[in-house]
Amino acid sequence: MTYLEKLKAAQDRNQSWLCVGLDPDPIRLRVDVLKWDEPILPFNKAIIDATADLVCAYKPNLGFYLQWGAAGVIALERTIAYIPDHIPVILDCKTGDIGHTQAAWAAGLFEEWGVDAITVNPYVGAEAILPMIGERPDKAVYILARTSNPSATNFQGDLRQREGLSAEVIGQSQTWGTAGHKGYVVGATYPEELQIAREMAPQANFLIPGIGAQGGSLATAVRFGPDAVAGPVISSSRGIIYASSQMDFADAARKAAQKLRDQINQMRA
């Protein structure tokens, strides 16, 4: 099964384009949770149990686990293993090295941890992509094209004019032959540029951050996110996993996820 087939199956099964980010932040977790011997894994398990029938993917961000040291890395590995097999796991790590180093990243993340997709920084060129999915038809990379942060325009240019780094990344990367899927990270905080990105890459799946706390346009994500095979992966983290600061956090996360999933579906209709 290819990555897009797995993603489409999860989207159809749960009627969902929603991806929940699993980002355990010690500042946001309740003191009660921090008193657990290993707080990260029980917290993540509770969120997964509460939302597994509402999502099309989960997206843990590597940085939120590295801040916990070795315990965080172990918790990440166990979190990935705990996610139901039919739901894609996208590891947000933004790796972007060359040659043997990227091959080592790919071996560890794809073969050992078994994630389905990762985010990749393409600054070094094709060498950041080919060792990852050149011969892995069941895996995918989401290439950073237009990130959702305010200073993205400093280096990425103006995609509305199809000029600058973002335009070069989307244009050139589509010429790189790979067995696995090349998708793109395109933030919902730049709605006009999301539309241009779709025109430039009609076959690519989009991972769309920026919804919720960052104020991105959900309507634009729904309208221009879908490709020819699957819907976009619309990501929300803080607005769901920290929907409550009380010990009912899992129930609150479910309600927040269901509300956003249903809002997306209403816009799809």
C-alpha atoms as a PDB file:
ATOM      1  CA  MET A   1       0.000   0.000   0.000  1.00  0.00           C
ATOM      2  CA  THR A   2       1.345   3.416  -0.938  1.00  0.00           C
ATOM      3  CA  TYR A   3       1.350   6.292   1.498  1.00  0.00           C
ATOM      4  CA  LEU A   4      -1.474   8.065  -0.308  1.00  0.00           C
ATOM      5  CA  GLU A   5      -3.564   4.897  -0.294  1.00  0.00           C
ATOM      6  CA  LYS A   6      -3.079   4.524   3.459  1.00  0.00           C
ATOM      7  CA  LEU A   7      -3.906   8.181   4.043  1.00  0.00           C
ATOM      8  CA  LYS A   8      -7.007   8.035   1.834  1.00  0.00           C
ATOM      9  CA  ALA A   9      -8.215   4.885   3.625  1.00  0.00           C
ATOM     10  CA  ALA A  10      -7.847   6.614   7.017  1.00  0.00           C
ATOM     11  CA  GLN A  11      -9.628   9.711   5.721  1.00  0.00           C
ATOM     12  CA  ASP A  12     -12.518   7.634   4.398  1.00  0.00           C
ATOM     13  CA  ARG A  13     -12.736   5.468   7.510  1.00  0.00           C
ATOM     14  CA  ASN A  14     -13.000   8.417   9.907  1.00  0.00           C
ATOM     15  CA  GLN A  15     -14.506  10.924   7.472  1.00  0.00           C
ATOM     16  CA  SER A  16     -11.691  13.230   8.446  1.00  0.00           C
ATOM     17  CA  TRP A  17      -8.959  15.467   7.076  1.00  0.00           C
ATOM     18  CA  LEU A  18      -7.860  16.351  10.598  1.00  0.00           C
ATOM     19  CA  CYS A  19      -4.375  15.596  11.891  1.00  0.00           C
ATOM     20  CA  VAL A  20      -3.669  15.963  15.611  1.00  0.00           C
ATOM     21  CA  GLY A  21      -0.222  17.120  16.634  1.00  0.00           C
ATOM     22  CA  LEU A  22       1.170  15.258  19.634  1.00  0.00           C
ATOM     23  CA  ASP A  23       3.405  17.910  21.190  1.00  0.00           C
ATOM     24  CA  PRO A  24       3.904  17.369  24.953  1.00  0.00           C
ATOM     25  CA  ASP A  25       4.991  20.665  26.461  1.00  0.00           C
ATOM     26  CA  PRO A  26       6.008  20.603  30.144  1.00  0.00           C
ATOM     27  CA  ILE A  27       4.793  24.192  30.501  1.00  0.00           C
ATOM     28  CA  ARG A  28       1.293  23.271  29.309  1.00  0.00           C
ATOM     29  CA  LEU A  29       0.840  19.943  31.091  1.00  0.00           C
ATOM     30  CA  ARG A  30      -0.986  19.966  34.407  1.00  0.00           C
ATOM     31  CA  VAL A  31       1.013  19.496  37.582  1.00  0.00           C
ATOM     32  CA  ASP A  32      -1.031  16.347  38.226  1.00  0.00           C
ATOM     33  CA  VAL A  33       0.246  14.877  34.962  1.00  0.00           C
ATOM     34  CA  LEU A  34       3.839  15.847  35.666  1.00  0.00           C
ATOM     35  CA  LYS A  35       3.680  13.842  38.892  1.00  0.00           C
ATOM     36  CA  TRP A  36       3.345  10.653  36.842  1.00  0.00           C
ATOM     37  CA  ASP A  37       6.574   8.684  36.700  1.00  0.00           C
ATOM     38  CA  GLU A  38       6.615   8.966  32.887  1.00  0.00           C
ATOM     39  CA  PRO A  39       4.130  11.710  31.988  1.00  0.00           C
ATOM     40  CA  ILE A  40       4.555  11.864  28.215  1.00  0.00           C
ATOM     41  CA  LEU A  41       3.396   8.415  27.179  1.00  0.00           C
ATOM     42  CA  PRO A  42       0.261   8.282  29.401  1.00  0.00           C
ATOM     43  CA  PHE A  43      -0.690  11.773  28.213  1.00  0.00           C
ATOM     44  CA  ASN A  44      -0.256  10.819  24.554  1.00  0.00           C
ATOM     45  CA  LYS A  45      -2.100   7.541  25.009  1.00  0.00           C
ATOM     46  CA  ALA A  46      -5.057   9.356  26.535  1.00  0.00           C
ATOM     47  CA  ILE A  47      -5.182  11.794  23.605  1.00  0.00           C
ATOM     48  CA  ILE A  48      -4.898   8.972  21.050  1.00  0.00           C
ATOM     49  CA  ASP A  49      -7.577   6.871  22.748  1.00  0.00           C
ATOM     50  CA  ALA A  50      -9.908   9.876  22.764  1.00  0.00           C
ATOM     51  CA  THR A  51      -9.386  10.910  19.129  1.00  0.00           C
ATOM     52  CA  ALA A  52      -8.406   7.833  17.082  1.00  0.00           C
ATOM     53  CA  ASP A  53     -11.812   7.671  15.385  1.00  0.00           C
ATOM     54  CA  LEU A  54     -11.719  11.366  14.458  1.00  0.00           C
ATOM     55  CA  VAL A  55      -8.373  11.822  12.686  1.00  0.00           C
ATOM     56  CA  CYS A  56      -6.653  10.937   9.429  1.00  0.00           C
ATOM     57  CA  ALA A  57      -3.142  11.156  10.922  1.00  0.00           C
ATOM     58  CA  TYR A  58      -1.077  11.991  13.982  1.00  0.00           C
ATOM     59  CA  LYS A  59       1.928  14.316  13.860  1.00  0.00           C
ATOM     60  CA  PRO A  60       4.396  14.229  16.756  1.00  0.00           C
ATOM     61  CA  ASN A  61       7.020  16.970  16.593  1.00  0.00           C
ATOM     62  CA  LEU A  62      10.507  15.704  17.424  1.00  0.00           C
ATOM     63  CA  GLY A  63      11.519  18.902  19.237  1.00  0.00           C
ATOM     64  CA  PHE A  64       8.875  18.479  21.914  1.00  0.00           C
ATOM     65  CA  TYR A  65      10.384  15.093  22.806  1.00  0.00           C
ATOM     66  CA  LEU A  66      14.042  16.066  22.688  1.00  0.00           C
ATOM     67  CA  GLN A  67      13.418  18.658  25.403  1.00  0.00           C
ATOM     68  CA  TRP A  68      12.685  15.759  27.786  1.00  0.00           C
ATOM     69  CA  GLY A  69      16.035  14.096  26.996  1.00  0.00           C
ATOM     70  CA  ALA A  70      16.349  10.331  26.679  1.00  0.00           C
ATOM     71  CA  ALA A  71      13.011   9.780  28.404  1.00  0.00           C
ATOM     72  CA  GLY A  72      11.321  11.876  25.732  1.00  0.00           C
ATOM     73  CA  VAL A  73      12.868   9.923  22.879  1.00  0.00           C
ATOM     74  CA  ILE A  74      11.761   6.645  24.443  1.00  0.00           C
ATOM     75  CA  ALA A  75       8.265   8.060  24.930  1.00  0.00           C
ATOM     76  CA  LEU A  76       8.172   9.140  21.282  1.00  0.00           C
ATOM     77  CA  GLU A  77       9.144   5.675  20.089  1.00  0.00           C
ATOM     78  CA  ARG A  78       6.457   4.114  22.278  1.00  0.00           C
ATOM     79  CA  THR A  79       3.895   6.711  21.191  1.00  0.00           C
ATOM     80  CA  ILE A  80       4.519   5.862  17.531  1.00  0.00           C
ATOM     81  CA  ALA A  81       4.107   2.171  18.325  1.00  0.00           C
ATOM     82  CA  TYR A  82       0.844   2.853  20.180  1.00  0.00           C
ATOM     83  CA  ILE A  83      -0.876   4.674  17.324  1.00  0.00           C
ATOM     84  CA  PRO A  84      -3.249   2.272  15.500  1.00  0.00           C
ATOM     85  CA  ASP A  85      -1.622   0.750  12.430  1.00  0.00           C
ATOM     86  CA  HIS A  86      -4.268   2.054  10.034  1.00  0.00           C
ATOM     87  CA  ILE A  87      -3.603   5.701  10.971  1.00  0.00           C
ATOM     88  CA  PRO A  88      -0.584   7.357   9.297  1.00  0.00           C
ATOM     89  CA  VAL A  89       2.135   8.796  11.505  1.00  0.00           C
ATOM     90  CA  ILE A  90       3.875  11.934  10.258  1.00  0.00           C
ATOM     91  CA  LEU A  91       7.018  12.761  12.211  1.00  0.00           C
ATOM     92  CA  ASP A  92       7.652  16.493  12.115  1.00  0.00           C
ATOM     93  CA  CYS A  93      11.440  16.650  12.300  1.00  0.00           C
ATOM     94  CA  LYS A  94      12.361  18.949   9.376  1.00  0.00           C
ATOM     95  CA  THR A  95      15.527  17.023   8.649  1.00  0.00           C
ATOM     96  CA  GLY A  96      17.540  18.293   5.698  1.00  0.00           C
ATOM     97  CA  ASP A  97      21.034  16.845   5.380  1.00  0.00           C
ATOM     98  CA  ILE A  98      22.746  15.138   2.457  1.00  0.00           C
ATOM     99  CA  GLY A  99      23.791  11.685   1.261  1.00  0.00           C
ATOM    100  CA  HIS A 100      24.578   9.076   3.890  1.00  0.00           C
ATOM    101  CA  THR A 101      23.266  11.272   6.695  1.00  0.00           C
ATOM    102  CA  GLN A 102      19.801  11.466   5.178  1.00  0.00           C
ATOM    103  CA  ALA A 103      19.930   7.741   4.502  1.00  0.00           C
ATOM    104  CA  ALA A 104      20.641   7.211   8.205  1.00  0.00           C
ATOM    105  CA  TRP A 105      17.682   9.414   9.168  1.00  0.00           C
ATOM    106  CA  ALA A 106      15.477   7.424   6.808  1.00  0.00           C
ATOM    107  CA  ALA A 107      16.638   4.062   8.154  1.00  0.00           C
ATOM    108  CA  GLY A 108      15.965   5.106  11.715  1.00  0.00           C
ATOM    109  CA  LEU A 109      12.625   6.817  11.200  1.00  0.00           C
ATOM    110  CA  PHE A 110      11.110   4.650   8.486  1.00  0.00           C
ATOM    111  CA  GLU A 111      12.575   1.232   9.226  1.00  0.00           C
ATOM    112  CA  GLU A 112      13.109   1.259  12.987  1.00  0.00           C
ATOM    113  CA  TRP A 113      10.310   3.536  14.166  1.00  0.00           C
ATOM    114  CA  GLY A 114       7.962   2.749  11.315  1.00  0.00           C
ATOM    115  CA  VAL A 115       6.631   6.255  10.673  1.00  0.00           C
ATOM    116  CA  ASP A 116       4.813   6.796   7.397  1.00  0.00           C
ATOM    117  CA  ALA A 117       6.007  10.289   6.515  1.00  0.00           C
ATOM    118  CA  ILE A 118       8.400  12.965   7.723  1.00  0.00           C
ATOM    119  CA  THR A 119       8.869  16.659   7.118  1.00  0.00           C
ATOM    120  CA  VAL A 120      12.007  17.622   5.200  1.00  0.00           C
ATOM    121  CA  ASN A 121      13.852  20.907   4.709  1.00  0.00           C
ATOM    122  CA  PRO A 122      14.926  20.942   1.026  1.00  0.00           C
ATOM    123  CA  TYR A 123      17.579  23.658   1.333  1.00  0.00           C
ATOM    124  CA  VAL A 124      20.422  21.322   0.288  1.00  0.00           C
ATOM    125  CA  GLY A 125      18.527  20.132  -2.789  1.00  0.00           C
ATOM    126  CA  ALA A 126      17.493  16.728  -4.081  1.00  0.00           C
ATOM    127  CA  GLU A 127      19.932  14.971  -1.738  1.00  0.00           C
ATOM    128  CA  ALA A 128      17.579  15.754   1.125  1.00  0.00           C
ATOM    129  CA  ILE A 129      14.758  13.853  -0.573  1.00  0.00           C
ATOM    130  CA  LEU A 130      16.108  10.989  -2.684  1.00  0.00           C
ATOM    131  CA  PRO A 131      17.736   8.959   0.141  1.00  0.00           C
ATOM    132  CA  MET A 132      14.426   9.120   1.980  1.00  0.00           C
ATOM    133  CA  ILE A 133      11.844   7.963  -0.557  1.00  0.00           C
ATOM    134  CA  GLY A 134      13.831   7.121  -3.667  1.00  0.00           C
ATOM    135  CA  GLU A 135      13.115   3.426  -3.121  1.00  0.00           C
ATOM    136  CA  ARG A 136      10.322   3.474  -0.536  1.00  0.00           C
ATOM    137  CA  PRO A 137       6.945   3.495  -2.325  1.00  0.00           C
ATOM    138  CA  ASP A 138       5.027   3.156   0.952  1.00  0.00           C
ATOM    139  CA  LYS A 139       6.580   6.273   2.515  1.00  0.00           C
ATOM    140  CA  ALA A 140       6.341  10.017   1.978  1.00  0.00           C
ATOM    141  CA  VAL A 141       8.088  13.264   2.725  1.00  0.00           C
ATOM    142  CA  TYR A 142       6.404  16.616   3.217  1.00  0.00           C
ATOM    143  CA  ILE A 143       8.791  19.195   1.793  1.00  0.00           C
ATOM    144  CA  LEU A 144       8.807  22.607   3.435  1.00  0.00           C
ATOM    145  CA  ALA A 145       7.412  24.883   0.734  1.00  0.00           C
ATOM    146  CA  ARG A 146       5.572  27.721   2.470  1.00  0.00           C
ATOM    147  CA  THR A 147       5.801  27.617   6.239  1.00  0.00           C
ATOM    148  CA  SER A 148       3.156  29.218   8.439  1.00  0.00           C
ATOM    149  CA  ASN A 149       5.374  31.481  10.576  1.00  0.00           C
ATOM    150  CA  PRO A 150       5.281  35.305  10.257  1.00  0.00           C
ATOM    151  CA  SER A 151       8.864  35.685   8.992  1.00  0.00           C
ATOM    152  CA  ALA A 152       8.491  33.025   6.287  1.00  0.00           C
ATOM    153  CA  THR A 153       8.584  35.711   3.605  1.00  0.00           C
ATOM    154  CA  ASN A 154      12.107  36.788   4.614  1.00  0.00           C
ATOM    155  CA  PHE A 155      13.650  33.948   2.625  1.00  0.00           C
ATOM    156  CA  GLN A 156      10.797  32.112   0.940  1.00  0.00           C
ATOM    157  CA  GLY A 157       9.755  34.949  -1.351  1.00  0.00           C
ATOM    158  CA  ASP A 158       6.333  35.756  -2.758  1.00  0.00           C
ATOM    159  CA  LEU A 159       4.623  32.647  -4.021  1.00  0.00           C
ATOM    160  CA  ARG A 160       1.788  34.765  -5.401  1.00  0.00           C
ATOM    161  CA  GLN A 161       4.252  35.968  -8.038  1.00  0.00           C
ATOM    162  CA  ARG A 162       5.691  32.450  -8.388  1.00  0.00           C
ATOM    163  CA  GLU A 163       9.051  33.900  -7.464  1.00  0.00           C
ATOM    164  CA  GLY A 164      11.519  33.109  -4.715  1.00  0.00           C
ATOM    165  CA  LEU A 165      12.569  30.038  -2.780  1.00  0.00           C
ATOM    166  CA  SER A 166       9.084  28.583  -2.244  1.00  0.00           C
ATOM    167  CA  ALA A 167       8.361  28.655  -5.965  1.00  0.00           C
ATOM    168  CA  GLU A 168      11.755  27.108  -6.751  1.00  0.00           C
ATOM    169  CA  VAL A 169      11.236  24.351  -4.203  1.00  0.00           C
ATOM    170  CA  ILE A 170       7.823  23.378  -5.580  1.00  0.00           C
ATOM    171  CA  GLY A 171       8.909  23.627  -9.215  1.00  0.00           C
ATOM    172  CA  GLN A 172      12.220  21.802  -9.028  1.00  0.00           C
ATOM    173  CA  SER A 173      11.262  19.099  -6.545  1.00  0.00           C
ATOM    174  CA  GLN A 174       8.560  17.798  -8.859  1.00  0.00           C
ATOM    175  CA  THR A 175      11.275  16.789 -11.336  1.00  0.00           C
ATOM    176  CA  TRP A 176      12.970  14.507  -8.802  1.00  0.00           C
ATOM    177  CA  GLY A 177      11.949  10.931  -9.506  1.00  0.00           C
ATOM    178  CA  THR A 178      11.000   8.998  -6.375  1.00  0.00           C
ATOM    179  CA  ALA A 179       9.127   5.810  -5.542  1.00  0.00           C
ATOM    180  CA  GLY A 180       7.547   7.404  -2.473  1.00  0.00           C
ATOM    181  CA  HIS A 181       5.281  10.428  -2.391  1.00  0.00           C
ATOM    182  CA  LYS A 182       6.474  14.032  -2.355  1.00  0.00           C
ATOM    183  CA  GLY A 183       4.001  16.244  -0.511  1.00  0.00           C
ATOM    184  CA  TYR A 184       4.403  19.824   0.645  1.00  0.00           C
ATOM    185  CA  VAL A 185       4.033  21.781   3.856  1.00  0.00           C
ATOM    186  CA  VAL A 186       1.945  24.831   2.958  1.00  0.00           C
ATOM    187  CA  GLY A 187       0.690  27.011   5.788  1.00  0.00           C
ATOM    188  CA  ALA A 188      -2.921  28.148   5.980  1.00  0.00           C
ATOM    189  CA  THR A 189      -1.703  31.533   7.232  1.00  0.00           C
ATOM    190  CA  TYR A 190      -0.908  32.467   3.613  1.00  0.00           C
ATOM    191  CA  PRO A 191      -4.206  31.585   1.901  1.00  0.00           C
ATOM    192  CA  GLU A 192      -3.471  33.161  -1.488  1.00  0.00           C
ATOM    193  CA  GLU A 193      -0.200  31.304  -1.682  1.00  0.00           C
ATOM    194  CA  LEU A 194      -1.831  28.012  -0.741  1.00  0.00           C
ATOM    195  CA  GLN A 195      -3.991  28.380  -3.836  1.00  0.00           C
ATOM    196  CA  ILE A 196      -0.931  29.058  -6.020  1.00  0.00           C
ATOM    197  CA  ALA A 197       0.886  26.076  -4.497  1.00  0.00           C
ATOM    198  CA  ARG A 198      -2.025  23.838  -5.474  1.00  0.00           C
ATOM    199  CA  GLU A 199      -1.912  25.148  -9.036  1.00  0.00           C
ATOM    200  CA  MET A 200       1.826  24.456  -9.189  1.00  0.00           C
ATOM    201  CA  ALA A 201       1.611  20.978  -7.641  1.00  0.00           C
ATOM    202  CA  PRO A 202      -1.798  19.478  -8.521  1.00  0.00           C
ATOM    203  CA  GLN A 203      -0.806  15.897  -7.645  1.00  0.00           C
ATOM    204  CA  ALA A 204       0.930  16.541  -4.318  1.00  0.00           C
ATOM    205  CA  ASN A 205      -0.605  15.980  -0.912  1.00  0.00           C
ATOM    206  CA  PHE A 206      -0.500  19.027   1.350  1.00  0.00           C
ATOM    207  CA  LEU A 207       0.274  19.089   5.062  1.00  0.00           C
ATOM    208  CA  ILE A 208      -1.382  22.315   6.202  1.00  0.00           C
ATOM    209  CA  PRO A 209      -0.368  23.858   9.557  1.00  0.00           C
ATOM    210  CA  GLY A 210      -1.455  27.221  10.899  1.00  0.00           C
ATOM    211  CA  ILE A 211      -5.072  26.426  11.736  1.00  0.00           C
ATOM    212  CA  GLY A 212      -6.234  27.421  15.213  1.00  0.00           C
ATOM    213  CA  ALA A 213      -3.758  29.325  17.373  1.00  0.00           C
ATOM    214  CA  GLN A 214      -1.958  30.775  14.336  1.00  0.00           C
ATOM    215  CA  GLY A 215      -5.162  32.039  12.745  1.00  0.00           C
ATOM    216  CA  GLY A 216      -4.877  30.393   9.321  1.00  0.00           C
ATOM    217  CA  SER A 217      -7.766  30.161   6.862  1.00  0.00           C
ATOM    218  CA  LEU A 218      -9.586  26.866   7.286  1.00  0.00           C
ATOM    219  CA  ALA A 219     -11.870  27.608   4.337  1.00  0.00           C
ATOM    220  CA  THR A 220      -8.884  28.026   2.001  1.00  0.00           C
ATOM    221  CA  ALA A 221      -7.291  24.849   3.315  1.00  0.00           C
ATOM    222  CA  VAL A 222     -10.473  22.902   2.577  1.00  0.00           C
ATOM    223  CA  ARG A 223     -10.971  24.458  -0.857  1.00  0.00           C
ATOM    224  CA  PHE A 224      -7.448  24.184  -2.239  1.00  0.00           C
ATOM    225  CA  GLY A 225      -5.989  21.439  -0.049  1.00  0.00           C
ATOM    226  CA  PRO A 226      -7.265  18.305  -1.829  1.00  0.00           C
ATOM    227  CA  ASP A 227      -5.193  16.613  -4.526  1.00  0.00           C
ATOM    228  CA  ALA A 228      -6.336  14.095  -7.125  1.00  0.00           C
ATOM    229  CA  VAL A 229      -6.218  11.156  -4.686  1.00  0.00           C
ATOM    230  CA  ALA A 230      -6.702  12.326  -1.108  1.00  0.00           C
ATOM    231  CA  GLY A 231      -7.703  15.238   1.027  1.00  0.00           C
ATOM    232  CA  PRO A 232      -5.137  17.456   2.724  1.00  0.00           C
ATOM    233  CA  VAL A 233      -3.717  16.787   6.162  1.00  0.00           C
ATOM    234  CA  ILE A 234      -4.982  19.748   8.180  1.00  0.00           C
ATOM    235  CA  SER A 235      -2.968  19.902  11.375  1.00  0.00           C
ATOM    236  CA  SER A 236      -3.968  21.220  14.785  1.00  0.00           C
ATOM    237  CA  SER A 237      -1.986  20.701  17.985  1.00  0.00           C
ATOM    238  CA  ARG A 238      -2.427  23.166  20.836  1.00  0.00           C
ATOM    239  CA  GLY A 239      -6.096  23.824  20.155  1.00  0.00           C
ATOM    240  CA  ILE A 240      -6.873  20.144  20.683  1.00  0.00           C
ATOM    241  CA  ILE A 241      -4.445  18.546  23.114  1.00  0.00           C
ATOM    242  CA  TYR A 242      -4.588  21.539  25.469  1.00  0.00           C
ATOM    243  CA  ALA A 243      -8.308  22.217  25.103  1.00  0.00           C
ATOM    244  CA  SER A 244      -8.550  21.801  28.873  1.00  0.00           C
ATOM    245  CA  SER A 245      -6.084  22.570  31.654  1.00  0.00           C
ATOM    246  CA  GLN A 246      -7.889  20.156  33.966  1.00  0.00           C
ATOM    247  CA  MET A 247      -7.700  16.382  34.299  1.00  0.00           C
ATOM    248  CA  ASP A 248     -10.516  16.073  31.776  1.00  0.00           C
ATOM    249  CA  PHE A 249      -7.986  16.965  29.074  1.00  0.00           C
ATOM    250  CA  ALA A 250      -8.681  13.815  27.033  1.00  0.00           C
ATOM    251  CA  ASP A 251     -12.446  14.409  26.955  1.00  0.00           C
ATOM    252  CA  ALA A 252     -11.858  18.055  26.074  1.00  0.00           C
ATOM    253  CA  ALA A 253      -9.437  17.026  23.325  1.00  0.00           C
ATOM    254  CA  ARG A 254     -12.067  14.737  21.847  1.00  0.00           C
ATOM    255  CA  LYS A 255     -14.665  17.502  21.829  1.00  0.00           C
ATOM    256  CA  ALA A 256     -12.243  19.953  20.227  1.00  0.00           C
ATOM    257  CA  ALA A 257     -11.156  17.414  17.601  1.00  0.00           C
ATOM    258  CA  GLN A 258     -14.732  16.480  16.778  1.00  0.00           C
ATOM    259  CA  LYS A 259     -15.723  20.134  16.474  1.00  0.00           C
ATOM    260  CA  LEU A 260     -12.871  20.876  14.053  1.00  0.00           C
ATOM    261  CA  ARG A 261     -13.376  17.649  12.097  1.00  0.00           C
ATOM    262  CA  ASP A 262     -17.081  18.444  11.695  1.00  0.00           C
ATOM    263  CA  GLN A 263     -16.339  22.041  10.746  1.00  0.00           C
ATOM    264  CA  ILE A 264     -14.016  20.812   8.003  1.00  0.00           C
ATOM    265  CA  ASN A 265     -16.635  18.360   6.767  1.00  0.00           C
ATOM    266  CA  GLN A 266     -19.290  21.076   6.635  1.00  0.00           C
ATOM    267  CA  MET A 267     -16.997  23.122   4.414  1.00  0.00           C
ATOM    268  CA  ARG A 268     -16.361  20.096   2.210  1.00  0.00           C
ATOM    269  CA  ALA A 269     -20.077  19.618   1.538  1.00  0.00           C
END
